Structures are given as C-alpha cells and as structure tokens.
C-alpha cells in the first residue's frame, strides 16, 4: 500500500479535523498513513481497528501561519519539515498539509527539487463549471511570472487534465482581459504567441470562461490566480447567505426551498471547496497536496484521495517528457 505523510497538527484547527479526515479516508480505501506530530496527542484519536494503517513521526513544533516562509528551513523539528523529509527519504510517496502554504512550497521546492525543465512550480486548483471542472494554475505560488513560467504551467495543466482528470484533449486557455489575441498586458501577449506551439491551446479566455464549460485549463500568474480563487470562495459564501436570507422572508419561499432542498444540496456540494480537498503543487518531484488552513475532516479526506491518485499516476514523468519536446 502507498505511504502518505500527513502534517497532522499544522492546520488552523489543530489535529482533530486532520485525524478525523484520515479516519474517513481509511474507512473508504486502505493506505499507510504516517501522522507527523506528537504521538501522545494523536494516538488516542485513532480507533483500534485502524491502528494497523497508522505510523507516527515525532515532531514537537508547529510552523505557525504568522511566521515567514523563509524561516522554515531553520525549523527542522516542525511537522511540515519532517513530513517533507519523509518524502525526500523515500519513506512516503506524498505529503498532505493544511499548514503554512508558503512554508510547504518552499520546503518542497528546495528539499524535493523541481522537475526537469521546470523553472517554477505552480499550485493548481479545480473550479466547478456548468459541465465538470476547470483547472486553474497558478493560484498563488508565483506572484510575478515570466513567459516561460506561463508556458510551463500550460504544459503541466494539460498533463494533469489528461492523467488525473481523464480529459483526452483538454482545452487550454490563457487568462486575459479579452478573447482577442491583441488583448492583455505585455506578458500575456508574448505568452500567447509562445503557447500557440501547444496543439490544445485555444487562445485567450476571460474570467467568465472559468464557469461556462468552454475551457478545461486556465493559465495565469499566481497573483491573478489567487485573487480569482479567493473571490470565488467569497461569492459562493455570499450566494448561500443571500439565499438563506431571502428564503426566510415568506412562507411561500420556505415551501419552495423544501421542494428544492435536494437541488440546493447538490449545488452547495458542487461549489464547496472542501469537496476538492487541496491543491497539488505541480512541477516538483513526488507529490505535495496543499490544503486550506481551515480544512475540515471532509477536505482532508479528499486531499488524501488526491494524493493517492497523483502518486499512483505517472504524471511527473509525462510532464518531463512533454516539456523535452519544446526545450
């Protein structure tokens, strides 16, 4: 069975939702979980029938969200440092962490190394559209990008869509302020010309195209990608708060809501980021899944399944092979 290192104490809410997510994942699919943290705190949370799937890696420190990511290399006793070390040493195939995302990215890049022909890794995340999902990258790893970075993001996104999302010919687009080739800033205009080399590249896309099902992969720098990600989270929350408020205003609205209860549930599930669990850091050796600091047990469970699927694929080798055609 595959070994997954879990940063068991790094999230905003401590160890309980993380361990509960591990338990939920194990109840569906067996794997070997290496819980990184203080075993005396973690062990009492594990049901006896699941103990055979659990190992512990002692780590007495937590890298807090307030600390600078550059300090993490000095903090060798932290849960995230030791989780990354397990992958580096070959004791685990993947890391799942809801801790400090910047620290996780820094450690993964420096300790595990980048794939051949990748200058910068990218965080990729899924957004729901009217058909299935749209993969967006980068959503936060690189606020400033060069043309070569966007090109590499496009290749990584294309391969992820093929290998993990099972899309045979993913439609790749570049985020811009208009569909026309002439639109965009100097970076996107130049990137557009280079990305024409990619057979599945369909041109520029606007923000609305994330949701209308016209594209499968959207490429952007991490600054714009992170703004999109956080804006969408806010919009989704606001929509449901507005709906709840309006439904409470009349008896007819309440009755209508009861009739549509199942539809509302399905909608909420589609747009809930917890359903996707975490975001893979593409472009590094092995697998690192970055989860939201406020992840609940369901998000951790889904992040673990992402890690398992990624680790069982050949995606990194395929990315290297594809990029070698263009280098």
Protein backbone atom coordinates (compact mmCIF):
# COMPACT_ATOMS: atom_id res chain seq x y z
CA UNK A 1 0.00 0.00 0.00
CA UNK A 2 1.05 3.58 -0.61
CA UNK A 3 2.57 5.64 2.23
CA UNK A 4 1.13 9.15 2.71
CA UNK A 5 2.76 11.61 5.14
CA UNK A 6 0.16 13.76 6.90
CA UNK A 7 1.06 17.04 8.61
CA UNK A 8 -1.25 16.14 11.47
CA UNK A 9 -1.07 19.32 13.53
CA UNK A 10 -0.41 22.16 11.08
CA UNK A 11 -3.95 23.35 10.27
CA UNK A 12 -5.83 26.27 11.83
CA UNK A 13 -8.00 23.95 13.93
CA UNK A 14 -5.29 21.63 15.20
CA UNK A 15 -5.10 17.87 14.95
CA UNK A 16 -8.73 16.79 15.38
CA UNK A 17 -10.17 17.55 11.89
CA UNK A 18 -6.99 16.27 10.26
CA UNK A 19 -7.03 12.95 12.09
CA UNK A 20 -10.78 12.63 11.51
CA UNK A 21 -10.12 13.13 7.78
CA UNK A 22 -7.54 10.36 7.86
CA UNK A 23 -10.05 8.07 9.59
CA UNK A 24 -12.72 8.88 6.99
CA UNK A 25 -10.30 8.19 4.14
CA UNK A 26 -9.20 4.87 5.66
CA UNK A 27 -12.82 3.78 6.02
CA UNK A 28 -13.13 4.04 2.23
CA UNK A 29 -9.69 2.98 0.95
CA UNK A 30 -6.78 1.43 2.88
CA UNK A 31 -3.37 3.13 2.75
CA UNK A 32 -0.49 3.66 5.13
CA UNK A 33 -0.80 6.99 6.94
CA UNK A 34 2.26 8.48 8.61
CA UNK A 35 0.97 11.06 11.08
CA UNK A 36 3.58 13.72 11.76
CA UNK A 37 3.18 15.36 15.15
CA UNK A 38 3.07 14.48 18.83
CA UNK A 39 2.09 10.83 19.07
CA UNK A 40 0.81 11.12 22.66
CA UNK A 41 -1.81 13.57 21.37
CA UNK A 42 -2.56 11.74 18.13
CA UNK A 43 -2.76 8.10 19.25
CA UNK A 44 -5.88 8.45 21.45
CA UNK A 45 -7.79 9.78 18.41
CA UNK A 46 -7.26 6.63 16.32
CA UNK A 47 -9.84 3.80 16.52
CA UNK A 48 -8.30 0.47 17.43
CA UNK A 49 -9.36 -1.25 14.20
CA UNK A 50 -7.40 1.30 12.13
CA UNK A 51 -4.17 1.25 14.14
CA UNK A 52 -2.56 -1.19 11.67
CA UNK A 53 -2.64 1.53 8.99
CA UNK A 54 -1.07 4.23 11.17
CA UNK A 55 2.55 5.11 11.89
CA UNK A 56 3.88 8.15 13.73
CA UNK A 57 6.74 10.53 13.05
CA UNK A 58 7.54 12.59 16.11
CA UNK A 59 7.54 16.36 15.66
CA UNK A 60 7.16 18.69 18.61
CA UNK A 61 6.86 22.03 16.81
CA UNK A 62 4.26 23.60 14.53
CA UNK A 63 5.21 26.21 11.94
CA UNK A 64 2.61 28.90 12.62
CA UNK A 65 0.71 30.82 9.95
CA UNK A 66 2.19 34.11 11.22
CA UNK A 67 5.80 33.09 10.56
CA UNK A 68 7.71 33.96 7.39
CA UNK A 69 8.04 31.06 4.95
CA UNK A 70 11.77 31.75 4.62
CA UNK A 71 12.27 30.69 8.25
CA UNK A 72 11.02 27.14 7.74
CA UNK A 73 14.39 25.74 6.67
CA UNK A 74 15.74 26.53 10.13
CA UNK A 75 12.82 24.81 11.86
CA UNK A 76 13.78 21.16 11.44
CA UNK A 77 11.55 19.93 14.28
CA UNK A 78 8.30 21.24 12.75
CA UNK A 79 5.61 18.93 11.45
CA UNK A 80 5.82 20.20 7.88
CA UNK A 81 9.63 19.92 7.76
CA UNK A 82 9.55 16.32 8.94
CA UNK A 83 6.66 15.44 6.60
CA UNK A 84 8.62 16.70 3.58
CA UNK A 85 11.71 14.84 4.83
CA UNK A 86 9.76 11.57 4.80
CA UNK A 87 9.16 12.01 1.06
CA UNK A 88 12.75 13.06 0.40
CA UNK A 89 14.00 9.94 2.17
CA UNK A 90 11.61 7.70 0.22
CA UNK A 91 9.59 6.73 3.28
CA UNK A 92 6.42 8.33 1.83
CA UNK A 93 5.17 8.97 -1.68
CA UNK A 94 3.20 12.13 -0.90
CA UNK A 95 2.58 14.86 1.66
CA UNK A 96 -0.76 16.35 2.65
CA UNK A 97 -0.61 19.57 4.70
CA UNK A 98 -3.14 22.16 5.83
CA UNK A 99 -0.36 24.16 7.41
CA UNK A 100 1.56 27.22 6.20
CA UNK A 101 1.29 27.02 2.41
CA UNK A 102 4.32 29.22 1.76
CA UNK A 103 6.47 27.08 4.04
CA UNK A 104 5.20 23.92 2.36
CA UNK A 105 6.03 25.30 -1.10
CA UNK A 106 9.49 26.46 -0.04
CA UNK A 107 10.39 23.15 1.56
CA UNK A 108 9.00 21.08 -1.29
CA UNK A 109 10.90 23.09 -3.90
CA UNK A 110 14.21 23.14 -2.05
CA UNK A 111 14.16 19.67 -0.47
CA UNK A 112 12.42 17.62 -3.18
CA UNK A 113 13.59 19.63 -6.17
CA UNK A 114 11.92 20.69 -9.40
CA UNK A 115 11.16 18.51 -12.38
CA UNK A 116 13.48 18.76 -15.37
CA UNK A 117 12.78 21.90 -17.47
CA UNK A 118 10.53 23.41 -14.78
CA UNK A 119 11.78 26.78 -13.55
CA UNK A 120 8.96 27.34 -11.03
CA UNK A 121 6.32 25.02 -9.57
CA UNK A 122 2.65 26.07 -9.62
CA UNK A 123 -0.34 25.48 -7.40
CA UNK A 124 -3.27 24.06 -9.37
CA UNK A 125 -6.87 24.03 -8.20
CA UNK A 126 -10.25 22.97 -9.56
CA UNK A 127 -13.20 25.30 -10.06
CA UNK A 128 -16.69 23.97 -10.87
CA UNK A 129 -18.18 24.85 -14.26
CA UNK A 130 -21.57 24.06 -15.78
CA UNK A 131 -20.22 20.75 -17.15
CA UNK A 132 -17.47 19.45 -14.86
CA UNK A 133 -14.47 21.41 -13.54
CA UNK A 134 -11.88 23.90 -14.76
CA UNK A 135 -8.25 23.54 -13.65
CA UNK A 136 -6.58 26.88 -12.85
CA UNK A 137 -2.86 27.40 -12.35
CA UNK A 138 -1.04 29.16 -10.82
CA UNK A 139 -3.21 30.22 -7.86
CA UNK A 140 -0.57 31.52 -5.52
CA UNK A 141 2.94 30.10 -5.80
CA UNK A 142 4.30 32.82 -8.13
CA UNK A 143 3.02 36.39 -7.96
CA UNK A 144 5.41 37.53 -10.70
CA UNK A 145 5.90 35.34 -13.76
CA UNK A 146 7.87 35.25 -16.97
CA UNK A 147 6.66 33.92 -20.31
CA UNK A 148 8.50 30.63 -19.81
CA UNK A 149 6.67 30.11 -16.50
CA UNK A 150 3.24 30.51 -18.09
CA UNK A 151 4.22 28.15 -20.89
CA UNK A 152 5.36 25.52 -18.39
CA UNK A 153 2.16 25.98 -16.38
CA UNK A 154 0.20 25.28 -19.55
CA UNK A 155 2.06 22.02 -20.17
CA UNK A 156 1.68 20.92 -16.55
CA UNK A 157 -2.02 21.78 -16.59
CA UNK A 158 -2.54 19.90 -19.84
CA UNK A 159 -0.86 16.75 -18.49
CA UNK A 160 -2.73 16.95 -15.18
CA UNK A 161 -6.02 17.22 -17.07
CA UNK A 162 -5.13 14.16 -19.14
CA UNK A 163 -3.64 11.98 -16.41
CA UNK A 164 -5.78 12.90 -13.39
CA UNK A 165 -8.98 14.41 -14.79
CA UNK A 166 -9.14 11.91 -17.68
CA UNK A 167 -9.72 14.56 -20.37
CA UNK A 168 -8.27 13.25 -23.61
CA UNK A 169 -7.86 16.62 -25.36
CA UNK A 170 -8.08 19.36 -22.72
CA UNK A 171 -8.77 22.87 -23.99
CA UNK A 172 -6.08 25.20 -22.65
CA UNK A 173 -6.54 28.97 -22.42
CA UNK A 174 -4.58 31.97 -21.17
CA UNK A 175 -6.29 34.41 -18.79
CA UNK A 176 -6.60 37.87 -20.32
CA UNK A 177 -8.93 40.87 -20.39
CA UNK A 178 -10.36 39.85 -23.75
CA UNK A 179 -10.54 36.91 -26.11
CA UNK A 180 -8.75 38.71 -28.95
CA UNK A 181 -5.09 37.90 -29.49
CA UNK A 182 -4.22 41.60 -29.21
CA UNK A 183 -5.67 41.90 -25.67
CA UNK A 184 -3.69 41.67 -22.46
CA UNK A 185 -0.53 43.10 -20.96
CA UNK A 186 2.93 42.57 -22.42
CA UNK A 187 3.38 39.31 -20.52
CA UNK A 188 0.17 37.69 -21.75
CA UNK A 189 0.62 38.95 -25.31
CA UNK A 190 4.07 37.38 -25.52
CA UNK A 191 2.94 34.23 -23.72
CA UNK A 192 0.04 33.87 -26.15
CA UNK A 193 2.45 33.70 -29.09
CA UNK A 194 4.64 31.06 -27.42
CA UNK A 195 1.67 28.98 -26.27
CA UNK A 196 0.49 28.64 -29.86
CA UNK A 197 3.02 25.81 -30.08
CA UNK A 198 0.76 23.72 -27.83
CA UNK A 199 -1.79 21.85 -30.02
CA UNK A 200 -4.60 22.10 -27.43
CA UNK A 201 -4.14 25.84 -26.83
CA UNK A 202 -7.33 27.68 -27.88
CA UNK A 203 -6.28 31.27 -27.12
CA UNK A 204 -7.24 33.85 -24.53
CA UNK A 205 -10.08 33.42 -22.06
CA UNK A 206 -11.83 35.82 -19.72
CA UNK A 207 -12.83 35.22 -16.11
CA UNK A 208 -16.36 34.14 -17.04
CA UNK A 209 -14.97 31.25 -19.10
CA UNK A 210 -13.90 29.50 -15.91
CA UNK A 211 -17.54 28.64 -15.27
CA UNK A 212 -19.18 28.24 -18.69
CA UNK A 213 -17.51 24.95 -19.60
CA UNK A 214 -15.69 26.31 -22.67
CA UNK A 215 -12.21 25.56 -21.32
CA UNK A 216 -10.56 22.82 -19.26
CA UNK A 217 -7.32 24.51 -18.17
CA UNK A 218 -6.80 28.21 -17.45
CA UNK A 219 -3.24 29.54 -17.18
CA UNK A 220 -2.37 32.70 -15.23
CA UNK A 221 0.21 34.12 -12.85
CA UNK A 222 -0.16 33.41 -9.16
CA UNK A 223 -1.21 36.96 -8.31
CA UNK A 224 -4.30 36.93 -10.52
CA UNK A 225 -4.97 33.26 -9.83
CA UNK A 226 -5.06 33.79 -6.08
CA UNK A 227 -7.42 36.75 -6.45
CA UNK A 228 -9.74 34.59 -8.59
CA UNK A 229 -9.62 31.78 -6.02
CA UNK A 230 -10.40 33.96 -3.01
CA UNK A 231 -13.04 35.96 -4.90
CA UNK A 232 -14.86 32.78 -5.90
CA UNK A 233 -14.81 31.49 -2.34
CA UNK A 234 -16.35 34.78 -1.20
CA UNK A 235 -19.01 34.78 -3.93
CA UNK A 236 -20.05 31.21 -3.16
CA UNK A 237 -20.43 32.02 0.54
CA UNK A 238 -22.36 35.21 -0.21
CA UNK A 239 -24.78 33.46 -2.60
CA UNK A 240 -25.86 30.95 0.04
CA UNK A 241 -26.15 33.61 2.73
CA UNK A 242 -28.37 35.70 0.43
CA UNK A 243 -30.47 32.65 -0.44
CA UNK A 244 -30.99 31.80 3.23
CA UNK A 245 -31.97 35.38 3.99
CA UNK A 246 -34.48 35.55 1.12
CA UNK A 247 -36.00 32.15 1.88
CA UNK A 248 -36.78 33.21 5.47
CA UNK A 249 -38.82 36.22 4.29
CA UNK A 250 -42.02 34.37 3.36
CA UNK A 251 -43.87 31.08 3.84
CA UNK A 252 -44.02 30.52 0.06
CA UNK A 253 -40.22 30.87 -0.16
CA UNK A 254 -39.81 28.37 2.68
CA UNK A 255 -42.10 25.86 0.96
CA UNK A 256 -40.24 26.36 -2.33
CA UNK A 257 -36.95 25.78 -0.57
CA UNK A 258 -38.23 22.49 0.85
CA UNK A 259 -39.18 21.34 -2.66
CA UNK A 260 -35.74 22.32 -3.96
CA UNK A 261 -33.80 21.04 -0.94
CA UNK A 262 -32.06 18.28 -2.89
CA UNK A 263 -31.09 20.66 -5.69
CA UNK A 264 -29.70 23.18 -3.21
CA UNK A 265 -27.67 20.40 -1.59
CA UNK A 266 -26.19 19.35 -4.93
CA UNK A 267 -25.38 22.95 -5.82
CA UNK A 268 -23.67 23.56 -2.49
CA UNK A 269 -21.63 20.40 -2.90
CA UNK A 270 -20.50 21.40 -6.42
CA UNK A 271 -19.21 24.82 -5.34
CA UNK A 272 -17.83 23.84 -1.93
CA UNK A 273 -14.02 23.98 -1.96
CA UNK A 274 -13.93 21.33 0.80
CA UNK A 275 -15.11 18.80 -1.81
CA UNK A 276 -11.81 19.20 -3.69
CA UNK A 277 -9.67 18.86 -0.59
CA UNK A 278 -6.49 20.57 -1.63
CA UNK A 279 -4.32 21.84 -4.45
CA UNK A 280 -1.40 19.88 -5.92
CA UNK A 281 1.93 21.66 -6.20
CA UNK A 282 2.86 20.82 -9.78
CA UNK A 283 6.42 20.86 -11.06
CA UNK A 284 8.23 19.24 -8.14
CA UNK A 285 9.45 15.70 -7.67
CA UNK A 286 6.93 13.44 -5.92
CA UNK A 287 3.57 14.75 -4.67
CA UNK A 288 2.62 17.58 -2.32
CA UNK A 289 -1.03 18.47 -1.71
CA UNK A 290 -1.64 21.87 -0.11
CA UNK A 291 -4.92 22.09 1.80
CA UNK A 292 -6.69 25.18 3.10
CA UNK A 293 -5.75 26.07 6.67
CA UNK A 294 -9.42 25.93 7.63
CA UNK A 295 -9.95 22.47 6.15
CA UNK A 296 -12.47 20.24 7.89
CA UNK A 297 -12.26 16.45 8.01
CA UNK A 298 -14.02 16.11 4.65
CA UNK A 299 -11.45 18.35 2.96
CA UNK A 300 -8.57 16.37 4.45
CA UNK A 301 -10.17 13.11 3.32
CA UNK A 302 -10.48 14.42 -0.23
CA UNK A 303 -6.93 15.79 -0.18
CA UNK A 304 -5.66 12.33 0.77
CA UNK A 305 -7.51 10.79 -2.16
CA UNK A 306 -5.93 13.41 -4.43
CA UNK A 307 -2.51 12.44 -3.10
CA UNK A 308 -3.16 8.74 -3.67
CA UNK A 309 -4.39 9.26 -7.23
CA UNK A 310 -1.49 11.56 -8.07
CA UNK A 311 1.08 9.15 -6.60
CA UNK A 312 -0.35 6.18 -8.45
CA UNK A 313 -0.10 8.03 -11.76
CA UNK A 314 2.94 8.69 -13.94
CA UNK A 315 2.21 12.39 -14.25
CA UNK A 316 5.65 13.77 -13.38
CA UNK A 317 7.42 11.62 -15.95
CA UNK A 318 4.85 12.58 -18.57
CA UNK A 319 5.36 16.29 -17.79
CA UNK A 320 9.12 15.94 -18.21
CA UNK A 321 8.72 14.03 -21.46
CA UNK A 322 6.30 16.61 -22.86
CA UNK A 323 8.45 19.59 -21.94
CA UNK A 324 11.51 17.97 -23.52
CA UNK A 325 9.77 18.23 -26.89
CA UNK A 326 9.81 22.02 -26.64
CA UNK A 327 13.14 22.69 -24.92
